[in-house]
Amino acid sequence: MTPAINAAKKAGIPFRMHEYAHDAGSASYGEEAAHKLHLELGRVFKTLVVEIDNQQFAVGIVPVSCQLDLKLMAKALGAKKAAMAAAHDAERMTGYVLGGISPLGQKRRLATIVDASAATFATIFVSAGRRGLELELAPADLGRLTTARFVAIGK
């Protein structure tokens, strides 16, 4: 069990876990998950931690087929600028290791923006809190559990 799975269970939302053999040499954790689970790239989402205005952190969730548009992310958060957080800051803020950062069950509740494309699917896939484990859930449930807003932030 991971904190993400525990958070989903505690909230009583429907979800499914999908496990696959993680390849330590993989260059892209999200793309690896999509390929090994035979999913389209747009349905698998990566959780990225950003630093906004050089003082606080937030989470952007975008399809693995996209990159996070930092200007759109900053705008969605009402900030002047956003930059990718350093790996150690992302791990410290969330309690997860890179490649296994889940939007659920993080150590600190961070402002969260989910790319609007998530709403086009009945379910999406996000990390379940460790490499090789994905959580399938409804975008609305993800939004509710993370108090996220849905905004176009991918490019």
N, C-alpha and C. Protein backbone atom coordinates (compact mmCIF):
# COMPACT_ATOMS: atom_id res chain seq x y z
N MET A 1 0.83 -1.19 0.00
CA MET A 1 0.00 0.00 0.00
C MET A 1 0.87 1.25 0.00
N THR A 2 0.40 2.24 -0.71
CA THR A 2 1.07 3.53 -0.75
C THR A 2 0.13 4.58 -0.16
N PRO A 3 0.65 5.75 0.21
CA PRO A 3 -0.25 6.81 0.68
C PRO A 3 -1.31 7.18 -0.35
N ALA A 4 -0.99 7.09 -1.64
CA ALA A 4 -1.97 7.40 -2.69
C ALA A 4 -3.13 6.41 -2.66
N ILE A 5 -2.83 5.14 -2.57
CA ILE A 5 -3.87 4.11 -2.52
C ILE A 5 -4.69 4.26 -1.25
N ASN A 6 -4.02 4.53 -0.15
CA ASN A 6 -4.74 4.73 1.11
C ASN A 6 -5.68 5.93 1.02
N ALA A 7 -5.24 7.01 0.37
CA ALA A 7 -6.09 8.20 0.22
C ALA A 7 -7.32 7.88 -0.62
N ALA A 8 -7.13 7.12 -1.70
CA ALA A 8 -8.27 6.75 -2.55
C ALA A 8 -9.25 5.86 -1.79
N LYS A 9 -8.71 4.89 -1.04
CA LYS A 9 -9.58 4.01 -0.25
C LYS A 9 -10.34 4.79 0.81
N LYS A 10 -9.64 5.66 1.52
CA LYS A 10 -10.26 6.45 2.59
C LYS A 10 -11.38 7.32 2.04
N ALA A 11 -11.19 7.86 0.82
CA ALA A 11 -12.20 8.72 0.21
C ALA A 11 -13.39 7.92 -0.33
N GLY A 12 -13.21 6.61 -0.46
CA GLY A 12 -14.29 5.76 -0.94
C GLY A 12 -14.60 5.92 -2.42
N ILE A 13 -13.60 6.34 -3.20
CA ILE A 13 -13.83 6.49 -4.63
C ILE A 13 -13.54 5.18 -5.35
N PRO A 14 -14.19 4.94 -6.48
CA PRO A 14 -13.84 3.74 -7.27
C PRO A 14 -12.51 3.97 -7.98
N PHE A 15 -11.66 2.96 -7.94
CA PHE A 15 -10.37 3.02 -8.62
C PHE A 15 -9.88 1.61 -8.88
N ARG A 16 -8.92 1.50 -9.80
CA ARG A 16 -8.26 0.22 -10.08
C ARG A 16 -6.77 0.44 -10.07
N MET A 17 -6.04 -0.54 -9.59
CA MET A 17 -4.58 -0.49 -9.61
C MET A 17 -4.09 -1.33 -10.79
N HIS A 18 -3.03 -0.85 -11.43
CA HIS A 18 -2.42 -1.55 -12.55
C HIS A 18 -0.92 -1.60 -12.30
N GLU A 19 -0.40 -2.80 -12.20
CA GLU A 19 1.03 -2.97 -11.91
C GLU A 19 1.75 -3.48 -13.15
N TYR A 20 2.98 -3.05 -13.33
CA TYR A 20 3.82 -3.51 -14.42
C TYR A 20 5.26 -3.57 -13.93
N ALA A 21 6.08 -4.33 -14.64
CA ALA A 21 7.50 -4.45 -14.27
C ALA A 21 8.24 -3.21 -14.74
N HIS A 22 8.68 -2.40 -13.80
CA HIS A 22 9.39 -1.16 -14.12
C HIS A 22 10.82 -1.49 -14.56
N ASP A 23 11.24 -0.86 -15.63
CA ASP A 23 12.59 -1.00 -16.15
C ASP A 23 13.42 0.17 -15.61
N ALA A 24 14.41 -0.11 -14.79
CA ALA A 24 15.22 0.93 -14.15
C ALA A 24 15.91 1.83 -15.17
N GLY A 25 16.10 1.37 -16.39
CA GLY A 25 16.75 2.17 -17.41
C GLY A 25 15.80 3.03 -18.22
N SER A 26 14.54 3.05 -17.87
CA SER A 26 13.54 3.80 -18.63
C SER A 26 13.81 5.29 -18.53
N ALA A 27 13.72 5.98 -19.68
CA ALA A 27 13.96 7.42 -19.72
C ALA A 27 12.71 8.21 -19.35
N SER A 28 11.52 7.66 -19.59
CA SER A 28 10.27 8.35 -19.30
C SER A 28 9.35 7.40 -18.56
N TYR A 29 9.12 7.69 -17.28
CA TYR A 29 8.29 6.81 -16.46
C TYR A 29 6.87 6.72 -16.98
N GLY A 30 6.29 7.86 -17.36
CA GLY A 30 4.91 7.86 -17.84
C GLY A 30 4.74 7.13 -19.15
N GLU A 31 5.66 7.36 -20.09
CA GLU A 31 5.58 6.65 -21.37
C GLU A 31 5.78 5.15 -21.17
N GLU A 32 6.66 4.79 -20.27
CA GLU A 32 6.86 3.37 -19.97
C GLU A 32 5.56 2.75 -19.46
N ALA A 33 4.88 3.45 -18.56
CA ALA A 33 3.61 2.94 -18.03
C ALA A 33 2.59 2.76 -19.14
N ALA A 34 2.48 3.76 -20.01
CA ALA A 34 1.51 3.68 -21.11
C ALA A 34 1.81 2.50 -22.02
N HIS A 35 3.07 2.31 -22.38
CA HIS A 35 3.43 1.21 -23.28
C HIS A 35 3.21 -0.15 -22.63
N LYS A 36 3.64 -0.28 -21.39
CA LYS A 36 3.52 -1.58 -20.73
C LYS A 36 2.08 -1.94 -20.38
N LEU A 37 1.23 -0.94 -20.20
CA LEU A 37 -0.18 -1.20 -19.90
C LEU A 37 -1.05 -1.11 -21.16
N HIS A 38 -0.42 -0.89 -22.32
CA HIS A 38 -1.11 -0.83 -23.61
C HIS A 38 -2.19 0.25 -23.61
N LEU A 39 -1.79 1.46 -23.21
CA LEU A 39 -2.71 2.60 -23.14
C LEU A 39 -2.24 3.70 -24.08
N GLU A 40 -3.18 4.52 -24.53
CA GLU A 40 -2.78 5.67 -25.34
C GLU A 40 -2.10 6.68 -24.41
N LEU A 41 -1.08 7.36 -24.97
CA LEU A 41 -0.27 8.29 -24.16
C LEU A 41 -1.11 9.41 -23.55
N GLY A 42 -2.14 9.84 -24.22
CA GLY A 42 -2.95 10.94 -23.73
C GLY A 42 -3.80 10.61 -22.52
N ARG A 43 -3.90 9.34 -22.20
CA ARG A 43 -4.74 8.92 -21.07
C ARG A 43 -3.93 8.68 -19.79
N VAL A 44 -2.61 8.66 -19.93
CA VAL A 44 -1.72 8.48 -18.79
C VAL A 44 -1.15 9.85 -18.44
N PHE A 45 -1.28 10.23 -17.18
CA PHE A 45 -0.89 11.58 -16.74
C PHE A 45 0.30 11.53 -15.80
N LYS A 46 1.18 12.50 -15.97
CA LYS A 46 2.35 12.62 -15.09
C LYS A 46 2.11 13.76 -14.12
N THR A 47 2.65 13.59 -12.93
CA THR A 47 2.51 14.57 -11.86
C THR A 47 3.83 15.31 -11.72
N LEU A 48 3.79 16.61 -11.97
CA LEU A 48 5.00 17.43 -11.96
C LEU A 48 4.91 18.50 -10.89
N VAL A 49 5.99 18.69 -10.16
CA VAL A 49 6.03 19.71 -9.12
C VAL A 49 6.76 20.93 -9.68
N VAL A 50 6.15 22.09 -9.49
CA VAL A 50 6.74 23.34 -9.94
C VAL A 50 6.91 24.29 -8.76
N GLU A 51 7.86 25.19 -8.94
CA GLU A 51 8.05 26.26 -7.96
C GLU A 51 7.50 27.52 -8.60
N ILE A 52 6.63 28.20 -7.86
CA ILE A 52 6.03 29.42 -8.42
C ILE A 52 6.54 30.64 -7.67
N ASP A 53 6.88 31.65 -8.45
CA ASP A 53 7.39 32.91 -7.93
C ASP A 53 8.52 32.72 -6.92
N ASN A 54 9.33 31.69 -7.12
CA ASN A 54 10.51 31.39 -6.29
C ASN A 54 10.21 31.27 -4.81
N GLN A 55 8.99 30.88 -4.46
CA GLN A 55 8.71 30.82 -3.03
C GLN A 55 7.78 29.69 -2.59
N GLN A 56 6.95 29.18 -3.47
CA GLN A 56 6.06 28.09 -3.07
C GLN A 56 5.96 27.07 -4.18
N PHE A 57 5.38 25.94 -3.85
CA PHE A 57 5.33 24.82 -4.78
C PHE A 57 3.89 24.50 -5.14
N ALA A 58 3.71 23.92 -6.32
CA ALA A 58 2.40 23.52 -6.80
C ALA A 58 2.58 22.29 -7.68
N VAL A 59 1.46 21.66 -8.05
CA VAL A 59 1.49 20.45 -8.85
C VAL A 59 0.73 20.68 -10.16
N GLY A 60 1.36 20.26 -11.25
CA GLY A 60 0.72 20.25 -12.55
C GLY A 60 0.60 18.81 -13.03
N ILE A 61 -0.57 18.43 -13.51
CA ILE A 61 -0.81 17.06 -13.97
C ILE A 61 -1.17 17.13 -15.45
N VAL A 62 -0.29 16.57 -16.29
CA VAL A 62 -0.47 16.63 -17.74
C VAL A 62 -0.30 15.25 -18.35
N PRO A 63 -0.87 15.04 -19.53
CA PRO A 63 -0.67 13.76 -20.21
C PRO A 63 0.81 13.53 -20.51
N VAL A 64 1.23 12.27 -20.51
CA VAL A 64 2.63 11.99 -20.80
C VAL A 64 2.97 12.32 -22.25
N SER A 65 1.97 12.52 -23.09
CA SER A 65 2.20 12.89 -24.48
C SER A 65 2.52 14.38 -24.63
N CYS A 66 2.41 15.14 -23.56
CA CYS A 66 2.61 16.59 -23.57
C CYS A 66 3.73 17.00 -22.64
N GLN A 67 4.07 18.27 -22.74
CA GLN A 67 4.95 18.90 -21.77
C GLN A 67 4.11 19.91 -21.00
N LEU A 68 4.53 20.22 -19.80
CA LEU A 68 3.86 21.24 -19.01
C LEU A 68 4.28 22.60 -19.54
N ASP A 69 3.30 23.45 -19.90
CA ASP A 69 3.58 24.81 -20.33
C ASP A 69 3.68 25.66 -19.06
N LEU A 70 4.89 26.06 -18.73
CA LEU A 70 5.13 26.76 -17.47
C LEU A 70 4.44 28.13 -17.43
N LYS A 71 4.31 28.78 -18.57
CA LYS A 71 3.61 30.08 -18.61
C LYS A 71 2.13 29.89 -18.31
N LEU A 72 1.53 28.86 -18.91
CA LEU A 72 0.12 28.59 -18.64
C LEU A 72 -0.09 28.14 -17.20
N MET A 73 0.86 27.39 -16.67
CA MET A 73 0.77 26.94 -15.27
C MET A 73 0.82 28.14 -14.33
N ALA A 74 1.77 29.05 -14.56
CA ALA A 74 1.86 30.25 -13.73
C ALA A 74 0.57 31.05 -13.80
N LYS A 75 0.05 31.22 -15.00
CA LYS A 75 -1.20 31.98 -15.18
C LYS A 75 -2.35 31.32 -14.43
N ALA A 76 -2.44 29.99 -14.52
CA ALA A 76 -3.52 29.27 -13.83
C ALA A 76 -3.44 29.43 -12.32
N LEU A 77 -2.24 29.65 -11.82
CA LEU A 77 -2.04 29.81 -10.38
C LEU A 77 -2.03 31.26 -9.93
N GLY A 78 -2.18 32.18 -10.89
CA GLY A 78 -2.13 33.60 -10.56
C GLY A 78 -0.74 34.06 -10.17
N ALA A 79 0.27 33.39 -10.71
CA ALA A 79 1.66 33.71 -10.39
C ALA A 79 2.33 34.38 -11.58
N LYS A 80 3.47 35.01 -11.33
CA LYS A 80 4.21 35.66 -12.41
C LYS A 80 5.03 34.65 -13.20
N LYS A 81 5.61 33.67 -12.49
CA LYS A 81 6.40 32.66 -13.20
C LYS A 81 6.38 31.34 -12.47
N ALA A 82 6.61 30.30 -13.25
CA ALA A 82 6.70 28.94 -12.71
C ALA A 82 7.92 28.28 -13.33
N ALA A 83 8.59 27.47 -12.54
CA ALA A 83 9.76 26.71 -13.01
C ALA A 83 9.66 25.31 -12.43
N MET A 84 10.23 24.35 -13.14
CA MET A 84 10.22 22.99 -12.61
C MET A 84 10.99 22.98 -11.29
N ALA A 85 10.44 22.31 -10.30
CA ALA A 85 11.10 22.20 -9.00
C ALA A 85 12.31 21.28 -9.12
N ALA A 86 13.30 21.52 -8.31
CA ALA A 86 14.45 20.63 -8.24
C ALA A 86 13.96 19.27 -7.76
N ALA A 87 14.62 18.21 -8.20
CA ALA A 87 14.19 16.85 -7.86
C ALA A 87 14.07 16.66 -6.35
N HIS A 88 15.05 17.14 -5.59
CA HIS A 88 14.99 16.94 -4.13
C HIS A 88 13.82 17.72 -3.51
N ASP A 89 13.47 18.88 -4.08
CA ASP A 89 12.32 19.63 -3.56
C ASP A 89 11.02 18.90 -3.88
N ALA A 90 10.92 18.35 -5.10
CA ALA A 90 9.72 17.60 -5.48
C ALA A 90 9.52 16.40 -4.56
N GLU A 91 10.60 15.70 -4.28
CA GLU A 91 10.51 14.53 -3.40
C GLU A 91 10.19 14.94 -1.97
N ARG A 92 10.79 16.02 -1.51
CA ARG A 92 10.56 16.49 -0.13
C ARG A 92 9.12 16.97 0.05
N MET A 93 8.60 17.67 -0.94
CA MET A 93 7.23 18.22 -0.84
C MET A 93 6.17 17.12 -0.90
N THR A 94 6.42 16.09 -1.70
CA THR A 94 5.39 15.07 -1.93
C THR A 94 5.55 13.81 -1.09
N GLY A 95 6.79 13.51 -0.70
CA GLY A 95 7.04 12.26 0.02
C GLY A 95 7.23 11.08 -0.91
N TYR A 96 7.29 11.33 -2.21
CA TYR A 96 7.46 10.27 -3.20
C TYR A 96 8.79 10.47 -3.95
N VAL A 97 9.28 9.39 -4.58
CA VAL A 97 10.48 9.49 -5.41
C VAL A 97 10.07 9.83 -6.84
N LEU A 98 10.98 10.47 -7.57
CA LEU A 98 10.71 10.78 -8.97
C LEU A 98 10.32 9.52 -9.72
N GLY A 99 9.37 9.65 -10.60
CA GLY A 99 8.87 8.49 -11.33
C GLY A 99 7.76 7.78 -10.59
N GLY A 100 7.54 8.16 -9.35
CA GLY A 100 6.48 7.56 -8.55
C GLY A 100 5.68 8.62 -7.81
N ILE A 101 5.80 9.87 -8.24
CA ILE A 101 5.07 10.95 -7.56
C ILE A 101 3.60 10.86 -7.96
N SER A 102 2.78 10.67 -6.97
CA SER A 102 1.34 10.60 -7.18
C SER A 102 0.70 11.92 -6.77
N PRO A 103 -0.39 12.29 -7.43
CA PRO A 103 -1.10 13.49 -6.98
C PRO A 103 -1.87 13.26 -5.68
N LEU A 104 -2.05 12.01 -5.30
CA LEU A 104 -2.79 11.67 -4.08
C LEU A 104 -1.84 11.28 -2.96
N GLY A 105 -2.22 11.61 -1.73
CA GLY A 105 -1.46 11.16 -0.57
C GLY A 105 -0.13 11.85 -0.38
N GLN A 106 0.00 13.06 -0.89
CA GLN A 106 1.27 13.78 -0.74
C GLN A 106 1.45 14.27 0.69
N LYS A 107 2.71 14.46 1.08
CA LYS A 107 3.01 14.93 2.44
C LYS A 107 2.39 16.30 2.72
N ARG A 108 2.43 17.17 1.72
CA ARG A 108 1.86 18.50 1.87
C ARG A 108 0.82 18.70 0.77
N ARG A 109 -0.27 19.33 1.13
CA ARG A 109 -1.29 19.63 0.12
C ARG A 109 -0.82 20.85 -0.67
N LEU A 110 -0.58 20.64 -1.95
CA LEU A 110 -0.12 21.70 -2.83
C LEU A 110 -1.23 22.09 -3.79
N ALA A 111 -1.23 23.35 -4.19
CA ALA A 111 -2.18 23.79 -5.22
C ALA A 111 -1.98 22.89 -6.43
N THR A 112 -3.07 22.41 -7.01
CA THR A 112 -2.99 21.44 -8.10
C THR A 112 -3.82 21.89 -9.29
N ILE A 113 -3.20 21.79 -10.47
CA ILE A 113 -3.87 22.07 -11.73
C ILE A 113 -3.78 20.81 -12.59
N VAL A 114 -4.91 20.34 -13.08
CA VAL A 114 -4.97 19.18 -13.97
C VAL A 114 -5.25 19.70 -15.38
N ASP A 115 -4.50 19.20 -16.36
CA ASP A 115 -4.76 19.61 -17.73
C ASP A 115 -6.20 19.29 -18.10
N ALA A 116 -6.83 20.24 -18.77
CA ALA A 116 -8.25 20.12 -19.13
C ALA A 116 -8.56 18.89 -19.97
N SER A 117 -7.57 18.36 -20.68
CA SER A 117 -7.81 17.18 -21.51
C SER A 117 -8.25 15.96 -20.69
N ALA A 118 -7.94 15.95 -19.40
CA ALA A 118 -8.32 14.82 -18.54
C ALA A 118 -9.83 14.63 -18.53
N ALA A 119 -10.56 15.72 -18.63
CA ALA A 119 -12.03 15.65 -18.55
C ALA A 119 -12.66 14.98 -19.75
N THR A 120 -11.89 14.72 -20.80
CA THR A 120 -12.44 14.06 -21.98
C THR A 120 -12.49 12.54 -21.83
N PHE A 121 -11.93 12.01 -20.75
CA PHE A 121 -11.88 10.56 -20.53
C PHE A 121 -12.77 10.17 -19.35
N ALA A 122 -13.33 8.97 -19.42
CA ALA A 122 -14.10 8.45 -18.29
C ALA A 122 -13.17 8.16 -17.12
N THR A 123 -11.98 7.60 -17.42
CA THR A 123 -10.96 7.37 -16.40
C THR A 123 -9.60 7.75 -16.97
N ILE A 124 -8.70 8.11 -16.08
CA ILE A 124 -7.31 8.40 -16.45
C ILE A 124 -6.40 7.62 -15.52
N PHE A 125 -5.12 7.60 -15.86
CA PHE A 125 -4.13 6.88 -15.08
C PHE A 125 -3.11 7.86 -14.52
N VAL A 126 -2.82 7.73 -13.22
CA VAL A 126 -1.79 8.52 -12.56
C VAL A 126 -0.95 7.57 -11.72
N SER A 127 0.22 8.01 -11.33
CA SER A 127 1.06 7.17 -10.49
C SER A 127 0.34 6.85 -9.18
N ALA A 128 0.49 5.63 -8.75
CA ALA A 128 -0.10 5.21 -7.48
C ALA A 128 0.87 5.36 -6.32
N GLY A 129 2.02 5.98 -6.58
CA GLY A 129 2.94 6.26 -5.49
C GLY A 129 4.24 5.49 -5.53
N ARG A 130 4.43 4.70 -6.56
CA ARG A 130 5.72 4.06 -6.75
C ARG A 130 5.87 3.68 -8.21
N ARG A 131 7.11 3.56 -8.63
CA ARG A 131 7.38 3.20 -10.02
C ARG A 131 6.82 1.81 -10.29
N GLY A 132 6.12 1.65 -11.40
CA GLY A 132 5.56 0.35 -11.76
C GLY A 132 4.14 0.14 -11.25
N LEU A 133 3.51 1.18 -10.72
CA LEU A 133 2.15 1.04 -10.20
C LEU A 133 1.34 2.28 -10.57
N GLU A 134 0.25 2.05 -11.30
CA GLU A 134 -0.62 3.14 -11.74
C GLU A 134 -1.99 2.99 -11.11
N LEU A 135 -2.64 4.12 -10.92
CA LEU A 135 -3.98 4.18 -10.35
C LEU A 135 -4.91 4.70 -11.44
N GLU A 136 -5.97 3.96 -11.72
CA GLU A 136 -6.98 4.39 -12.70
C GLU A 136 -8.18 4.92 -11.94
N LEU A 137 -8.58 6.15 -12.24
CA LEU A 137 -9.70 6.76 -11.55
C LEU A 137 -10.36 7.79 -12.44
N ALA A 138 -11.54 8.22 -12.06
CA ALA A 138 -12.27 9.24 -12.81
C ALA A 138 -11.61 10.59 -12.59
N PRO A 139 -11.48 11.40 -13.64
CA PRO A 139 -10.89 12.73 -13.48
C PRO A 139 -11.60 13.57 -12.42
N ALA A 140 -12.92 13.47 -12.35
CA ALA A 140 -13.66 14.24 -11.35
C ALA A 140 -13.26 13.85 -9.93
N ASP A 141 -13.02 12.56 -9.71
CA ASP A 141 -12.59 12.12 -8.38
C ASP A 141 -11.19 12.63 -8.07
N LEU A 142 -10.32 12.61 -9.06
CA LEU A 142 -8.98 13.16 -8.87
C LEU A 142 -9.08 14.64 -8.50
N GLY A 143 -9.90 15.36 -9.23
CA GLY A 143 -10.07 16.79 -8.95
C GLY A 143 -10.61 17.04 -7.56
N ARG A 144 -11.57 16.24 -7.16
CA ARG A 144 -12.17 16.42 -5.84
C ARG A 144 -11.17 16.12 -4.73
N LEU A 145 -10.41 15.03 -4.87
CA LEU A 145 -9.47 14.63 -3.82
C LEU A 145 -8.26 15.55 -3.71
N THR A 146 -7.91 16.22 -4.78
CA THR A 146 -6.75 17.11 -4.76
C THR A 146 -7.17 18.58 -4.74
N THR A 147 -8.46 18.85 -4.72
CA THR A 147 -9.03 20.19 -4.86
C THR A 147 -8.41 20.91 -6.06
N ALA A 148 -8.26 20.18 -7.14
CA ALA A 148 -7.62 20.70 -8.35
C ALA A 148 -8.62 21.47 -9.20
N ARG A 149 -8.06 22.33 -10.03
CA ARG A 149 -8.81 22.98 -11.08
C ARG A 149 -8.34 22.39 -12.40
N PHE A 150 -9.23 22.33 -13.38
CA PHE A 150 -8.93 21.80 -14.70
C PHE A 150 -8.73 22.99 -15.65
N VAL A 151 -7.51 23.11 -16.14
CA VAL A 151 -7.11 24.22 -17.02
C VAL A 151 -6.17 23.65 -18.08
N ALA A 152 -6.21 24.19 -19.28
CA ALA A 152 -5.28 23.76 -20.32
C ALA A 152 -3.86 24.22 -19.96
N ILE A 153 -3.00 23.27 -19.56
CA ILE A 153 -1.62 23.61 -19.17
C ILE A 153 -0.60 22.78 -19.93
N GLY A 154 -1.04 21.94 -20.85
CA GLY A 154 -0.12 21.11 -21.62
C GLY A 154 0.19 21.75 -22.96
N LYS A 155 1.36 21.39 -23.50
CA LYS A 155 1.70 21.86 -24.85
C LYS A 155 2.32 20.72 -25.64
